[in-house]
Amino acid sequence: MKRMMMIAGAMMLATSGMTVAQTMSPTDVGVQLMTGTSATDYVKLAADGDMYEIASSKLAMSKAQRPDVKAFAREMVADHTATTKTLMAALKNPDRTIAKPGTRMSTGNEAKIALLKKAPKASFDDLYLQQQMQAHQTAWALHGGYATDGTDPALKQVASTAVPVIERHLMHVKQMTTTAMSGM
């Protein structure tokens, strides 16, 4: 109950534009924070993650069988579109020398999209949720790490704001995976 109250408070602060600390630990998420990431690499990896989330979730909006998975996919498109806009806004600074990220996904994320496209309807939801868990673990490690030791203040703020959103997504994926295992 205390954890849920902390998460709810973190989400309220995130939507008010204030910086919040992460509420999940590496043990909760299953990965360690990715520290020591350069600002350039942070931008590239964050943008790639958002592109994957948006593309995979648009696919899930049409291919998913479960209504909760479709609703989650809509949430992913909205939230990751917003985090992309926040990232791009942070890059609009004439003093910053960080290039805007490319518009093409990494080879690894393209491969995940290809698997989703080929997945039979009966197994699509499970594959999508499995990929979402992995993608959000990676995103949490990246954003949480940069929020902890990033060198660019504007990007550090972007990372700090993204962490509670990612944690909310992780909780949703865990709940949907548990629901599927229990037979709904």
N, C-alpha and C. Protein backbone atom coordinates (compact mmCIF):
# COMPACT_ATOMS: atom_id res chain seq x y z
N MET A 1 0.83 -1.19 0.00
CA MET A 1 0.00 0.00 0.00
C MET A 1 0.88 1.26 0.00
N LYS A 2 1.93 1.24 0.86
CA LYS A 2 2.82 2.39 0.91
C LYS A 2 3.50 2.62 -0.45
N ARG A 3 3.91 1.52 -1.11
CA ARG A 3 4.55 1.62 -2.42
C ARG A 3 3.58 2.23 -3.43
N MET A 4 2.31 1.81 -3.40
CA MET A 4 1.31 2.35 -4.33
C MET A 4 1.11 3.85 -4.09
N MET A 5 1.13 4.27 -2.84
CA MET A 5 0.98 5.69 -2.53
C MET A 5 2.19 6.47 -3.04
N MET A 6 3.38 5.89 -2.90
CA MET A 6 4.58 6.55 -3.39
C MET A 6 4.53 6.68 -4.91
N ILE A 7 4.09 5.63 -5.57
CA ILE A 7 4.01 5.66 -7.04
C ILE A 7 2.97 6.68 -7.48
N ALA A 8 1.82 6.70 -6.80
CA ALA A 8 0.79 7.68 -7.16
C ALA A 8 1.31 9.10 -6.96
N GLY A 9 2.03 9.33 -5.88
CA GLY A 9 2.62 10.65 -5.64
C GLY A 9 3.65 11.02 -6.70
N ALA A 10 4.46 10.05 -7.08
CA ALA A 10 5.46 10.30 -8.13
C ALA A 10 4.80 10.63 -9.44
N MET A 11 3.70 9.94 -9.76
CA MET A 11 3.00 10.21 -11.01
C MET A 11 2.38 11.61 -10.99
N MET A 12 1.85 12.02 -9.85
CA MET A 12 1.28 13.36 -9.74
C MET A 12 2.36 14.42 -9.93
N LEU A 13 3.52 14.21 -9.32
CA LEU A 13 4.61 15.16 -9.48
C LEU A 13 5.10 15.20 -10.93
N ALA A 14 5.14 14.03 -11.57
CA ALA A 14 5.61 13.98 -12.96
C ALA A 14 4.69 14.77 -13.87
N THR A 15 3.39 14.68 -13.63
CA THR A 15 2.47 15.40 -14.49
C THR A 15 2.45 16.89 -14.18
N SER A 16 2.97 17.28 -13.01
CA SER A 16 3.02 18.70 -12.68
C SER A 16 4.31 19.35 -13.19
N GLY A 17 5.19 18.54 -13.79
CA GLY A 17 6.42 19.09 -14.37
C GLY A 17 7.60 19.11 -13.40
N MET A 18 7.43 18.60 -12.19
CA MET A 18 8.53 18.56 -11.23
C MET A 18 9.34 17.29 -11.42
N THR A 19 10.60 17.34 -11.03
CA THR A 19 11.46 16.17 -11.11
C THR A 19 11.13 15.23 -9.96
N VAL A 20 11.08 13.94 -10.25
CA VAL A 20 10.82 12.96 -9.21
C VAL A 20 11.89 11.88 -9.26
N ALA A 21 12.10 11.26 -8.13
CA ALA A 21 13.06 10.15 -8.08
C ALA A 21 12.34 8.87 -8.46
N GLN A 22 13.10 7.91 -8.91
CA GLN A 22 12.50 6.62 -9.24
C GLN A 22 11.96 5.97 -7.98
N THR A 23 10.89 5.19 -8.12
CA THR A 23 10.30 4.52 -6.97
C THR A 23 10.55 3.02 -7.01
N MET A 24 11.06 2.53 -8.13
CA MET A 24 11.38 1.11 -8.24
C MET A 24 12.90 0.94 -8.13
N SER A 25 13.29 -0.20 -7.62
CA SER A 25 14.72 -0.50 -7.49
C SER A 25 15.14 -1.43 -8.63
N PRO A 26 16.44 -1.57 -8.84
CA PRO A 26 16.90 -2.55 -9.83
C PRO A 26 16.34 -3.95 -9.58
N THR A 27 16.16 -4.32 -8.33
CA THR A 27 15.59 -5.63 -8.00
C THR A 27 14.15 -5.71 -8.47
N ASP A 28 13.38 -4.64 -8.27
CA ASP A 28 11.98 -4.60 -8.72
C ASP A 28 11.88 -4.76 -10.24
N VAL A 29 12.78 -4.10 -10.96
CA VAL A 29 12.72 -4.04 -12.42
C VAL A 29 13.43 -5.23 -13.06
N GLY A 30 14.47 -5.73 -12.42
CA GLY A 30 15.22 -6.85 -12.97
C GLY A 30 16.42 -6.46 -13.80
N VAL A 31 16.80 -5.18 -13.74
CA VAL A 31 17.99 -4.69 -14.45
C VAL A 31 18.68 -3.63 -13.60
N GLN A 32 19.94 -3.41 -13.89
CA GLN A 32 20.71 -2.36 -13.22
C GLN A 32 20.60 -1.06 -14.01
N LEU A 33 20.78 0.07 -13.33
CA LEU A 33 20.80 1.35 -14.02
C LEU A 33 21.98 1.39 -14.98
N MET A 34 21.78 2.01 -16.12
CA MET A 34 22.83 2.18 -17.12
C MET A 34 23.48 3.54 -16.84
N THR A 35 24.60 3.52 -16.17
CA THR A 35 25.28 4.76 -15.83
C THR A 35 26.43 5.03 -16.79
N GLY A 36 26.88 6.27 -16.78
CA GLY A 36 28.01 6.65 -17.61
C GLY A 36 27.66 6.85 -19.07
N THR A 37 26.39 7.03 -19.38
CA THR A 37 25.95 7.22 -20.77
C THR A 37 26.19 8.67 -21.18
N SER A 38 26.80 8.88 -22.32
CA SER A 38 27.02 10.24 -22.81
C SER A 38 25.67 10.85 -23.22
N ALA A 39 25.63 12.16 -23.28
CA ALA A 39 24.40 12.85 -23.70
C ALA A 39 24.00 12.42 -25.11
N THR A 40 24.96 12.31 -26.00
CA THR A 40 24.68 11.90 -27.38
C THR A 40 24.08 10.50 -27.42
N ASP A 41 24.68 9.57 -26.68
CA ASP A 41 24.16 8.21 -26.65
C ASP A 41 22.79 8.15 -25.98
N TYR A 42 22.60 8.94 -24.93
CA TYR A 42 21.29 8.98 -24.27
C TYR A 42 20.21 9.38 -25.26
N VAL A 43 20.45 10.44 -26.01
CA VAL A 43 19.47 10.93 -26.99
C VAL A 43 19.17 9.85 -28.02
N LYS A 44 20.22 9.24 -28.55
CA LYS A 44 20.07 8.21 -29.58
C LYS A 44 19.26 7.02 -29.05
N LEU A 45 19.61 6.53 -27.86
CA LEU A 45 18.94 5.36 -27.29
C LEU A 45 17.50 5.67 -26.86
N ALA A 46 17.30 6.85 -26.29
CA ALA A 46 15.94 7.23 -25.87
C ALA A 46 15.02 7.35 -27.08
N ALA A 47 15.50 7.98 -28.14
CA ALA A 47 14.69 8.13 -29.35
C ALA A 47 14.40 6.78 -29.99
N ASP A 48 15.40 5.90 -30.03
CA ASP A 48 15.21 4.57 -30.61
C ASP A 48 14.16 3.79 -29.81
N GLY A 49 14.24 3.88 -28.50
CA GLY A 49 13.25 3.19 -27.66
C GLY A 49 11.85 3.71 -27.91
N ASP A 50 11.70 5.02 -27.99
CA ASP A 50 10.38 5.60 -28.27
C ASP A 50 9.86 5.18 -29.64
N MET A 51 10.73 5.18 -30.65
CA MET A 51 10.30 4.76 -31.99
C MET A 51 9.79 3.32 -31.97
N TYR A 52 10.52 2.46 -31.26
CA TYR A 52 10.08 1.06 -31.14
C TYR A 52 8.73 0.98 -30.43
N GLU A 53 8.61 1.68 -29.31
CA GLU A 53 7.36 1.63 -28.53
C GLU A 53 6.17 2.07 -29.37
N ILE A 54 6.34 3.14 -30.11
CA ILE A 54 5.25 3.67 -30.93
C ILE A 54 4.91 2.70 -32.06
N ALA A 55 5.90 2.21 -32.78
CA ALA A 55 5.66 1.30 -33.90
C ALA A 55 5.05 -0.02 -33.43
N SER A 56 5.60 -0.60 -32.39
CA SER A 56 5.08 -1.89 -31.91
C SER A 56 3.67 -1.73 -31.35
N SER A 57 3.41 -0.62 -30.72
CA SER A 57 2.10 -0.40 -30.12
C SER A 57 1.04 -0.07 -31.17
N LYS A 58 1.43 0.63 -32.22
CA LYS A 58 0.47 0.85 -33.32
C LYS A 58 0.09 -0.49 -33.94
N LEU A 59 1.06 -1.37 -34.07
CA LEU A 59 0.78 -2.71 -34.58
C LEU A 59 -0.15 -3.46 -33.63
N ALA A 60 0.10 -3.34 -32.33
CA ALA A 60 -0.74 -4.01 -31.34
C ALA A 60 -2.17 -3.47 -31.33
N MET A 61 -2.33 -2.21 -31.64
CA MET A 61 -3.68 -1.65 -31.68
C MET A 61 -4.55 -2.35 -32.72
N SER A 62 -3.93 -2.88 -33.77
CA SER A 62 -4.72 -3.56 -34.80
C SER A 62 -4.66 -5.09 -34.67
N LYS A 63 -3.57 -5.65 -34.13
CA LYS A 63 -3.41 -7.10 -34.09
C LYS A 63 -3.76 -7.76 -32.76
N ALA A 64 -3.73 -7.01 -31.68
CA ALA A 64 -3.97 -7.62 -30.36
C ALA A 64 -5.39 -8.16 -30.28
N GLN A 65 -5.55 -9.22 -29.52
CA GLN A 65 -6.85 -9.85 -29.31
C GLN A 65 -7.51 -9.36 -28.03
N ARG A 66 -6.71 -9.13 -27.00
CA ARG A 66 -7.25 -8.75 -25.69
C ARG A 66 -7.51 -7.25 -25.63
N PRO A 67 -8.67 -6.84 -25.11
CA PRO A 67 -8.97 -5.41 -24.98
C PRO A 67 -7.97 -4.66 -24.09
N ASP A 68 -7.49 -5.31 -23.02
CA ASP A 68 -6.53 -4.62 -22.14
C ASP A 68 -5.20 -4.39 -22.85
N VAL A 69 -4.82 -5.29 -23.73
CA VAL A 69 -3.58 -5.12 -24.49
C VAL A 69 -3.75 -3.97 -25.49
N LYS A 70 -4.90 -3.90 -26.13
CA LYS A 70 -5.17 -2.80 -27.07
C LYS A 70 -5.16 -1.45 -26.33
N ALA A 71 -5.75 -1.42 -25.14
CA ALA A 71 -5.78 -0.19 -24.35
C ALA A 71 -4.37 0.21 -23.94
N PHE A 72 -3.57 -0.77 -23.54
CA PHE A 72 -2.18 -0.52 -23.17
C PHE A 72 -1.42 0.03 -24.37
N ALA A 73 -1.65 -0.54 -25.54
CA ALA A 73 -0.98 -0.09 -26.76
C ALA A 73 -1.31 1.37 -27.05
N ARG A 74 -2.57 1.76 -26.88
CA ARG A 74 -2.96 3.17 -27.09
C ARG A 74 -2.22 4.08 -26.09
N GLU A 75 -2.11 3.61 -24.85
CA GLU A 75 -1.38 4.36 -23.82
C GLU A 75 0.09 4.51 -24.21
N MET A 76 0.68 3.45 -24.76
CA MET A 76 2.09 3.49 -25.16
C MET A 76 2.31 4.51 -26.27
N VAL A 77 1.42 4.52 -27.27
CA VAL A 77 1.56 5.48 -28.37
C VAL A 77 1.48 6.90 -27.83
N ALA A 78 0.51 7.17 -26.98
CA ALA A 78 0.34 8.53 -26.42
C ALA A 78 1.53 8.92 -25.55
N ASP A 79 1.92 8.06 -24.64
CA ASP A 79 3.00 8.40 -23.70
C ASP A 79 4.35 8.51 -24.39
N HIS A 80 4.65 7.62 -25.32
CA HIS A 80 5.96 7.67 -25.97
C HIS A 80 6.03 8.76 -27.04
N THR A 81 4.89 9.16 -27.57
CA THR A 81 4.86 10.34 -28.43
C THR A 81 5.19 11.57 -27.59
N ALA A 82 4.63 11.61 -26.37
CA ALA A 82 4.90 12.74 -25.47
C ALA A 82 6.36 12.76 -25.02
N THR A 83 6.94 11.59 -24.70
CA THR A 83 8.34 11.61 -24.27
C THR A 83 9.27 11.99 -25.42
N THR A 84 8.89 11.62 -26.64
CA THR A 84 9.68 12.03 -27.81
C THR A 84 9.63 13.56 -27.97
N LYS A 85 8.46 14.14 -27.81
CA LYS A 85 8.32 15.60 -27.92
C LYS A 85 9.15 16.30 -26.84
N THR A 86 9.14 15.75 -25.64
CA THR A 86 9.92 16.33 -24.55
C THR A 86 11.42 16.26 -24.86
N LEU A 87 11.85 15.13 -25.38
CA LEU A 87 13.26 14.96 -25.75
C LEU A 87 13.65 15.95 -26.84
N MET A 88 12.83 16.07 -27.86
CA MET A 88 13.15 16.99 -28.97
C MET A 88 13.14 18.44 -28.50
N ALA A 89 12.24 18.78 -27.60
CA ALA A 89 12.20 20.15 -27.06
C ALA A 89 13.49 20.46 -26.29
N ALA A 90 14.01 19.47 -25.57
CA ALA A 90 15.25 19.68 -24.81
C ALA A 90 16.44 19.90 -25.73
N LEU A 91 16.35 19.39 -26.95
CA LEU A 91 17.46 19.55 -27.90
C LEU A 91 17.45 20.92 -28.59
N LYS A 92 16.37 21.65 -28.45
CA LYS A 92 16.27 22.97 -29.09
C LYS A 92 16.96 24.01 -28.23
N ASN A 93 18.25 24.00 -28.27
CA ASN A 93 19.06 24.92 -27.49
C ASN A 93 20.28 25.25 -28.35
N PRO A 94 20.44 26.52 -28.72
CA PRO A 94 21.56 26.87 -29.61
C PRO A 94 22.94 26.59 -29.00
N ASP A 95 23.03 26.49 -27.68
CA ASP A 95 24.31 26.21 -27.03
C ASP A 95 24.65 24.72 -27.03
N ARG A 96 23.68 23.88 -27.34
CA ARG A 96 23.87 22.43 -27.29
C ARG A 96 24.41 21.95 -28.63
N THR A 97 25.34 21.04 -28.58
CA THR A 97 25.93 20.51 -29.81
C THR A 97 25.47 19.08 -30.10
N ILE A 98 24.47 18.62 -29.39
CA ILE A 98 23.98 17.25 -29.58
C ILE A 98 23.06 17.23 -30.80
N ALA A 99 23.36 16.35 -31.73
CA ALA A 99 22.55 16.25 -32.94
C ALA A 99 21.22 15.56 -32.63
N LYS A 100 20.21 15.93 -33.41
CA LYS A 100 18.93 15.24 -33.29
C LYS A 100 19.14 13.79 -33.71
N PRO A 101 18.39 12.88 -33.08
CA PRO A 101 18.56 11.46 -33.43
C PRO A 101 18.00 11.17 -34.82
N GLY A 102 18.43 10.06 -35.38
CA GLY A 102 17.91 9.63 -36.67
C GLY A 102 16.44 9.26 -36.58
N THR A 103 15.84 9.03 -37.71
CA THR A 103 14.42 8.69 -37.75
C THR A 103 14.20 7.21 -38.05
N ARG A 104 15.28 6.45 -38.06
CA ARG A 104 15.17 5.01 -38.32
C ARG A 104 15.53 4.24 -37.05
N MET A 105 14.76 3.21 -36.77
CA MET A 105 15.00 2.37 -35.61
C MET A 105 16.28 1.56 -35.76
N SER A 106 16.83 1.16 -34.65
CA SER A 106 18.00 0.28 -34.65
C SER A 106 17.62 -1.06 -35.28
N THR A 107 18.63 -1.78 -35.72
CA THR A 107 18.42 -3.09 -36.33
C THR A 107 17.71 -4.04 -35.35
N GLY A 108 18.11 -3.99 -34.09
CA GLY A 108 17.50 -4.86 -33.09
C GLY A 108 16.02 -4.58 -32.91
N ASN A 109 15.65 -3.31 -32.87
CA ASN A 109 14.23 -2.97 -32.72
C ASN A 109 13.45 -3.27 -34.00
N GLU A 110 14.07 -3.10 -35.15
CA GLU A 110 13.41 -3.47 -36.40
C GLU A 110 13.12 -4.97 -36.42
N ALA A 111 14.05 -5.76 -35.89
CA ALA A 111 13.85 -7.22 -35.84
C ALA A 111 12.68 -7.58 -34.92
N LYS A 112 12.54 -6.87 -33.83
CA LYS A 112 11.41 -7.12 -32.92
C LYS A 112 10.08 -6.80 -33.61
N ILE A 113 10.06 -5.72 -34.37
CA ILE A 113 8.84 -5.35 -35.11
C ILE A 113 8.52 -6.44 -36.14
N ALA A 114 9.55 -6.94 -36.82
CA ALA A 114 9.35 -8.00 -37.81
C ALA A 114 8.75 -9.25 -37.16
N LEU A 115 9.22 -9.60 -35.96
CA LEU A 115 8.66 -10.75 -35.25
C LEU A 115 7.19 -10.53 -34.92
N LEU A 116 6.86 -9.32 -34.49
CA LEU A 116 5.46 -9.01 -34.18
C LEU A 116 4.59 -9.10 -35.43
N LYS A 117 5.09 -8.62 -36.54
CA LYS A 117 4.32 -8.67 -37.80
C LYS A 117 4.04 -10.10 -38.23
N LYS A 118 4.99 -11.01 -37.97
CA LYS A 118 4.84 -12.40 -38.38
C LYS A 118 4.10 -13.25 -37.35
N ALA A 119 3.91 -12.73 -36.15
CA ALA A 119 3.32 -13.53 -35.08
C ALA A 119 1.87 -13.92 -35.41
N PRO A 120 1.53 -15.19 -35.18
CA PRO A 120 0.13 -15.61 -35.35
C PRO A 120 -0.76 -14.86 -34.35
N LYS A 121 -2.01 -14.64 -34.74
CA LYS A 121 -2.93 -13.91 -33.87
C LYS A 121 -2.99 -14.51 -32.46
N ALA A 122 -2.98 -15.82 -32.38
CA ALA A 122 -3.12 -16.50 -31.09
C ALA A 122 -1.96 -16.21 -30.13
N SER A 123 -0.79 -15.89 -30.66
CA SER A 123 0.35 -15.66 -29.77
C SER A 123 0.84 -14.20 -29.80
N PHE A 124 0.18 -13.35 -30.56
CA PHE A 124 0.63 -11.96 -30.68
C PHE A 124 0.65 -11.25 -29.33
N ASP A 125 -0.44 -11.33 -28.57
CA ASP A 125 -0.53 -10.59 -27.31
C ASP A 125 0.61 -10.95 -26.36
N ASP A 126 0.89 -12.25 -26.23
CA ASP A 126 1.97 -12.69 -25.34
C ASP A 126 3.33 -12.18 -25.80
N LEU A 127 3.58 -12.25 -27.10
CA LEU A 127 4.85 -11.77 -27.64
C LEU A 127 4.98 -10.27 -27.44
N TYR A 128 3.93 -9.53 -27.72
CA TYR A 128 3.94 -8.08 -27.54
C TYR A 128 4.23 -7.72 -26.08
N LEU A 129 3.55 -8.38 -25.14
CA LEU A 129 3.77 -8.08 -23.72
C LEU A 129 5.19 -8.45 -23.29
N GLN A 130 5.71 -9.56 -23.81
CA GLN A 130 7.09 -9.95 -23.49
C GLN A 130 8.07 -8.88 -23.99
N GLN A 131 7.86 -8.43 -25.22
CA GLN A 131 8.73 -7.39 -25.77
C GLN A 131 8.58 -6.09 -24.99
N GLN A 132 7.37 -5.77 -24.57
CA GLN A 132 7.15 -4.54 -23.81
C GLN A 132 7.88 -4.58 -22.47
N MET A 133 7.86 -5.74 -21.83
CA MET A 133 8.58 -5.88 -20.56
C MET A 133 10.07 -5.61 -20.78
N GLN A 134 10.64 -6.23 -21.79
CA GLN A 134 12.07 -6.06 -22.06
C GLN A 134 12.38 -4.61 -22.46
N ALA A 135 11.55 -4.03 -23.29
CA ALA A 135 11.79 -2.65 -23.74
C ALA A 135 11.71 -1.68 -22.58
N HIS A 136 10.77 -1.90 -21.67
CA HIS A 136 10.64 -0.98 -20.54
C HIS A 136 11.72 -1.20 -19.48
N GLN A 137 12.21 -2.41 -19.37
CA GLN A 137 13.37 -2.64 -18.49
C GLN A 137 14.57 -1.87 -19.04
N THR A 138 14.77 -1.95 -20.33
CA THR A 138 15.88 -1.23 -20.97
C THR A 138 15.69 0.28 -20.82
N ALA A 139 14.47 0.76 -21.04
CA ALA A 139 14.18 2.19 -20.91
C ALA A 139 14.40 2.67 -19.49
N TRP A 140 13.97 1.87 -18.52
CA TRP A 140 14.14 2.25 -17.12
C TRP A 140 15.63 2.34 -16.78
N ALA A 141 16.41 1.38 -17.24
CA ALA A 141 17.86 1.41 -17.00
C ALA A 141 18.49 2.65 -17.61
N LEU A 142 18.10 2.97 -18.85
CA LEU A 142 18.65 4.13 -19.55
C LEU A 142 18.26 5.44 -18.87
N HIS A 143 16.97 5.67 -18.73
CA HIS A 143 16.50 6.95 -18.18
C HIS A 143 16.87 7.09 -16.71
N GLY A 144 16.73 6.01 -15.95
CA GLY A 144 17.10 6.06 -14.54
C GLY A 144 18.59 6.33 -14.36
N GLY A 145 19.40 5.71 -15.19
CA GLY A 145 20.84 5.94 -15.13
C GLY A 145 21.19 7.37 -15.50
N TYR A 146 20.59 7.89 -16.57
CA TYR A 146 20.92 9.25 -16.98
C TYR A 146 20.39 10.27 -15.97
N ALA A 147 19.24 9.99 -15.39
CA ALA A 147 18.70 10.88 -14.35
C ALA A 147 19.63 10.92 -13.15
N THR A 148 20.34 9.84 -12.91
CA THR A 148 21.26 9.74 -11.78
C THR A 148 22.59 10.44 -12.04
N ASP A 149 23.18 10.22 -13.22
CA ASP A 149 24.53 10.76 -13.44
C ASP A 149 24.72 11.45 -14.79
N GLY A 150 23.64 11.83 -15.43
CA GLY A 150 23.76 12.52 -16.72
C GLY A 150 24.49 13.84 -16.60
N THR A 151 25.09 14.27 -17.70
CA THR A 151 25.89 15.49 -17.68
C THR A 151 25.17 16.72 -18.24
N ASP A 152 24.12 16.52 -19.00
CA ASP A 152 23.38 17.63 -19.59
C ASP A 152 22.13 17.88 -18.75
N PRO A 153 22.02 19.07 -18.11
CA PRO A 153 20.89 19.33 -17.20
C PRO A 153 19.51 19.19 -17.86
N ALA A 154 19.34 19.67 -19.08
CA ALA A 154 18.04 19.57 -19.74
C ALA A 154 17.69 18.11 -20.02
N LEU A 155 18.67 17.33 -20.47
CA LEU A 155 18.41 15.92 -20.74
C LEU A 155 18.24 15.13 -19.45
N LYS A 156 18.92 15.54 -18.42
CA LYS A 156 18.75 14.90 -17.12
C LYS A 156 17.31 15.10 -16.63
N GLN A 157 16.75 16.27 -16.89
CA GLN A 157 15.36 16.54 -16.54
C GLN A 157 14.42 15.67 -17.37
N VAL A 158 14.71 15.51 -18.66
CA VAL A 158 13.91 14.64 -19.52
C VAL A 158 13.92 13.22 -18.95
N ALA A 159 15.09 12.73 -18.60
CA ALA A 159 15.22 11.38 -18.05
C ALA A 159 14.45 11.25 -16.74
N SER A 160 14.58 12.23 -15.87
CA SER A 160 13.89 12.19 -14.57
C SER A 160 12.37 12.16 -14.74
N THR A 161 11.89 12.89 -15.73
CA THR A 161 10.45 12.94 -15.98
C THR A 161 9.97 11.63 -16.61
N ALA A 162 10.81 10.97 -17.37
CA ALA A 162 10.42 9.72 -18.04
C ALA A 162 10.34 8.54 -17.07
N VAL A 163 11.15 8.54 -16.03
CA VAL A 163 11.22 7.38 -15.13
C VAL A 163 9.86 6.99 -14.54
N PRO A 164 9.07 7.90 -13.97
CA PRO A 164 7.79 7.46 -13.41
C PRO A 164 6.81 6.94 -14.47
N VAL A 165 6.89 7.48 -15.66
CA VAL A 165 6.04 7.00 -16.76
C VAL A 165 6.43 5.55 -17.10
N ILE A 166 7.71 5.30 -17.20
CA ILE A 166 8.20 3.95 -17.50
C ILE A 166 7.83 2.98 -16.38
N GLU A 167 7.94 3.43 -15.15
CA GLU A 167 7.59 2.57 -14.02
C GLU A 167 6.10 2.21 -14.05
N ARG A 168 5.26 3.15 -14.42
CA ARG A 168 3.82 2.89 -14.55
C ARG A 168 3.59 1.85 -15.65
N HIS A 169 4.30 1.99 -16.76
CA HIS A 169 4.18 1.02 -17.85
C HIS A 169 4.63 -0.38 -17.40
N LEU A 170 5.73 -0.44 -16.67
CA LEU A 170 6.21 -1.73 -16.16
C LEU A 170 5.16 -2.39 -15.26
N MET A 171 4.53 -1.61 -14.41
CA MET A 171 3.50 -2.16 -13.53
C MET A 171 2.33 -2.70 -14.35
N HIS A 172 1.92 -1.95 -15.39
CA HIS A 172 0.82 -2.41 -16.24
C HIS A 172 1.18 -3.71 -16.94
N VAL A 173 2.37 -3.80 -17.50
CA VAL A 173 2.79 -5.02 -18.20
C VAL A 173 2.79 -6.20 -17.23
N LYS A 174 3.33 -6.00 -16.05
CA LYS A 174 3.36 -7.08 -15.06
C LYS A 174 1.95 -7.54 -14.71
N GLN A 175 1.04 -6.58 -14.53
CA GLN A 175 -0.35 -6.93 -14.20
C GLN A 175 -1.00 -7.70 -15.34
N MET A 176 -0.79 -7.28 -16.58
CA MET A 176 -1.41 -7.96 -17.72
C MET A 176 -0.82 -9.35 -17.92
N THR A 177 0.46 -9.50 -17.66
CA THR A 177 1.11 -10.80 -17.79
C THR A 177 0.59 -11.74 -16.72
N THR A 178 0.43 -11.24 -15.51
CA THR A 178 -0.12 -12.05 -14.40
C THR A 178 -1.56 -12.44 -14.70
N THR A 179 -2.33 -11.50 -15.23
CA THR A 179 -3.72 -11.78 -15.59
C THR A 179 -3.80 -12.87 -16.64
N ALA A 180 -2.95 -12.80 -17.63
CA ALA A 180 -2.96 -13.81 -18.70
C ALA A 180 -2.60 -15.19 -18.16
N MET A 181 -1.65 -15.24 -17.22
CA MET A 181 -1.23 -16.51 -16.67
C MET A 181 -2.31 -17.14 -15.79
N SER A 182 -3.12 -16.29 -15.16
CA SER A 182 -4.17 -16.81 -14.28
C SER A 182 -5.44 -17.14 -15.05
N GLY A 183 -5.42 -16.94 -16.36
CA GLY A 183 -6.56 -17.30 -17.20
C GLY A 183 -7.65 -16.25 -17.25
N MET A 184 -7.30 -15.04 -16.86
CA MET A 184 -8.23 -13.91 -16.85
C MET A 184 -9.44 -14.33 -16.13
